[in-house]
Amino acid sequence: MENTELGPQPLDSLIDAWGLGNHDLVEASIEQLTHKQTQRARKGRRLSLKMMQKLARALNVAIWQRLTDEERAVFFEYLHKHLFNYAKGYEATWTDPNTAMMAAVAEGGRKLRKN
């Protein structure tokens, strides 16, 4: 029997590092993402590829909406393999290229931009 509970995922720490919450991802998603799905993903419930990709898109949009035009030009979009340690292609040694930008967004408590 396959274990479906895999512990906190990289997604969890990324959401926190960007100064976001579950509601920010749900609000940013246009794909009917729920708070329950987001919480399960953060806590390590094994998800389908489709659901992992949906969460990756929601995270990218939630971040994108808080960036300046200059930051948007250099923002590295996350893929599901960066967010889940059980995803095919996951690399534990991967270094996030958005680290400096992440701190600026989280510390500033930036709100959504509508454009």
Protein backbone atom coordinates (compact mmCIF):
# COMPACT_ATOMS: atom_id res chain seq x y z
CA MET A 1 0.00 0.00 0.00
CA GLU A 2 1.32 3.40 -1.01
CA ASN A 3 1.80 6.10 1.64
CA THR A 4 -0.40 9.11 0.87
CA GLU A 5 0.89 11.34 3.69
CA LEU A 6 4.35 12.63 2.80
CA GLY A 7 4.92 15.45 5.29
CA PRO A 8 5.22 19.19 4.64
CA GLN A 9 6.13 19.96 1.06
CA PRO A 10 8.40 22.63 -0.47
CA LEU A 11 5.14 24.37 -1.51
CA ASP A 12 4.42 25.01 2.17
CA SER A 13 7.68 26.84 2.84
CA LEU A 14 7.43 28.78 -0.46
CA ILE A 15 3.96 30.06 0.40
CA ASP A 16 5.26 31.22 3.78
CA ALA A 17 8.46 32.71 2.32
CA TRP A 18 6.50 34.80 -0.19
CA GLY A 19 4.26 36.08 2.63
CA LEU A 20 1.19 34.36 1.20
CA GLY A 21 -1.55 32.19 2.67
CA ASN A 22 -3.91 29.52 1.41
CA HIS A 23 -6.53 32.14 0.62
CA ASP A 24 -4.12 34.01 -1.66
CA LEU A 25 -3.72 30.92 -3.85
CA VAL A 26 -7.45 30.18 -3.87
CA GLU A 27 -8.20 33.80 -4.79
CA ALA A 28 -5.56 33.86 -7.55
CA SER A 29 -6.65 30.61 -9.16
CA ILE A 30 -9.15 30.63 -12.02
CA GLU A 31 -9.43 26.83 -11.82
CA GLN A 32 -11.72 26.42 -8.80
CA LEU A 33 -8.97 25.65 -6.32
CA THR A 34 -10.27 25.20 -2.78
CA HIS A 35 -8.81 25.96 0.63
CA LYS A 36 -9.02 22.26 1.49
CA GLN A 37 -7.03 21.24 -1.61
CA THR A 38 -4.39 23.86 -0.83
CA GLN A 39 -4.08 22.76 2.79
CA ARG A 40 -3.77 19.09 1.80
CA ALA A 41 -1.04 19.97 -0.69
CA ARG A 42 0.92 21.93 1.90
CA LYS A 43 0.75 19.17 4.49
CA GLY A 44 1.91 16.43 2.13
CA ARG A 45 -1.13 14.61 0.83
CA ARG A 46 -0.12 12.82 -2.39
CA LEU A 47 -1.77 14.64 -5.30
CA SER A 48 -2.31 13.87 -8.97
CA LEU A 49 -0.10 15.54 -11.56
CA LYS A 50 -3.05 17.66 -12.66
CA MET A 51 -3.61 18.95 -9.12
CA MET A 52 0.11 19.66 -8.60
CA GLN A 53 0.14 21.70 -11.81
CA LYS A 54 -3.01 23.58 -10.75
CA LEU A 55 -1.33 24.57 -7.49
CA ALA A 56 1.84 25.63 -9.30
CA ARG A 57 -0.18 27.91 -11.59
CA ALA A 58 -2.08 29.40 -8.65
CA LEU A 59 1.17 30.07 -6.76
CA ASN A 60 2.75 31.74 -9.78
CA VAL A 61 -0.30 33.97 -10.34
CA ALA A 62 -0.53 34.90 -6.64
CA ILE A 63 3.13 35.95 -6.68
CA TRP A 64 2.94 37.64 -10.11
CA GLN A 65 0.08 39.86 -8.92
CA ARG A 66 2.36 41.31 -6.23
CA LEU A 67 5.44 42.03 -8.35
CA THR A 68 6.57 45.28 -9.92
CA ASP A 69 7.07 45.41 -13.70
CA GLU A 70 10.84 45.09 -13.22
CA GLU A 71 10.42 42.05 -10.97
CA ARG A 72 7.98 40.44 -13.38
CA ALA A 73 10.60 40.61 -16.13
CA VAL A 74 13.00 38.40 -14.16
CA PHE A 75 10.54 36.23 -12.18
CA PHE A 76 11.24 32.50 -12.49
CA GLU A 77 7.93 30.60 -12.67
CA TYR A 78 7.70 27.55 -10.46
CA LEU A 79 6.86 24.14 -11.88
CA HIS A 80 5.24 21.33 -9.92
CA LYS A 81 8.63 19.64 -9.60
CA HIS A 82 9.83 22.60 -7.51
CA LEU A 83 6.85 22.38 -5.14
CA PHE A 84 6.45 18.69 -4.33
CA ASN A 85 9.21 16.36 -3.17
CA TYR A 86 7.48 13.32 -4.68
CA ALA A 87 7.06 14.86 -8.16
CA LYS A 88 8.99 13.41 -11.06
CA GLY A 89 12.08 15.55 -11.66
CA TYR A 90 12.26 16.92 -8.10
CA GLU A 91 15.79 17.90 -7.07
CA ALA A 92 16.48 18.41 -3.37
CA THR A 93 19.54 20.53 -4.20
CA TRP A 94 17.66 22.97 -6.47
CA THR A 95 18.31 26.63 -5.65
CA ASP A 96 15.43 29.06 -6.00
CA PRO A 97 16.42 31.97 -8.32
CA ASN A 98 13.68 34.16 -6.79
CA THR A 99 15.16 34.26 -3.28
CA ALA A 100 16.11 37.97 -3.24
CA MET A 101 12.79 39.03 -4.77
CA MET A 102 10.92 36.78 -2.35
CA ALA A 103 12.28 38.62 0.68
CA ALA A 104 11.35 42.03 -0.76
CA VAL A 105 7.76 40.95 -1.46
CA ALA A 106 7.24 39.21 1.89
CA GLU A 107 8.74 41.99 4.00
CA GLY A 108 6.76 44.68 2.21
CA GLY A 109 3.47 42.87 2.75
CA ARG A 110 2.53 43.72 -0.81
CA LYS A 111 -1.06 43.66 -1.90
CA LEU A 112 -2.45 42.62 -5.25
CA ARG A 113 -1.90 44.69 -8.36
CA LYS A 114 -4.85 44.68 -10.69
CA ASN A 115 -2.79 45.13 -13.88
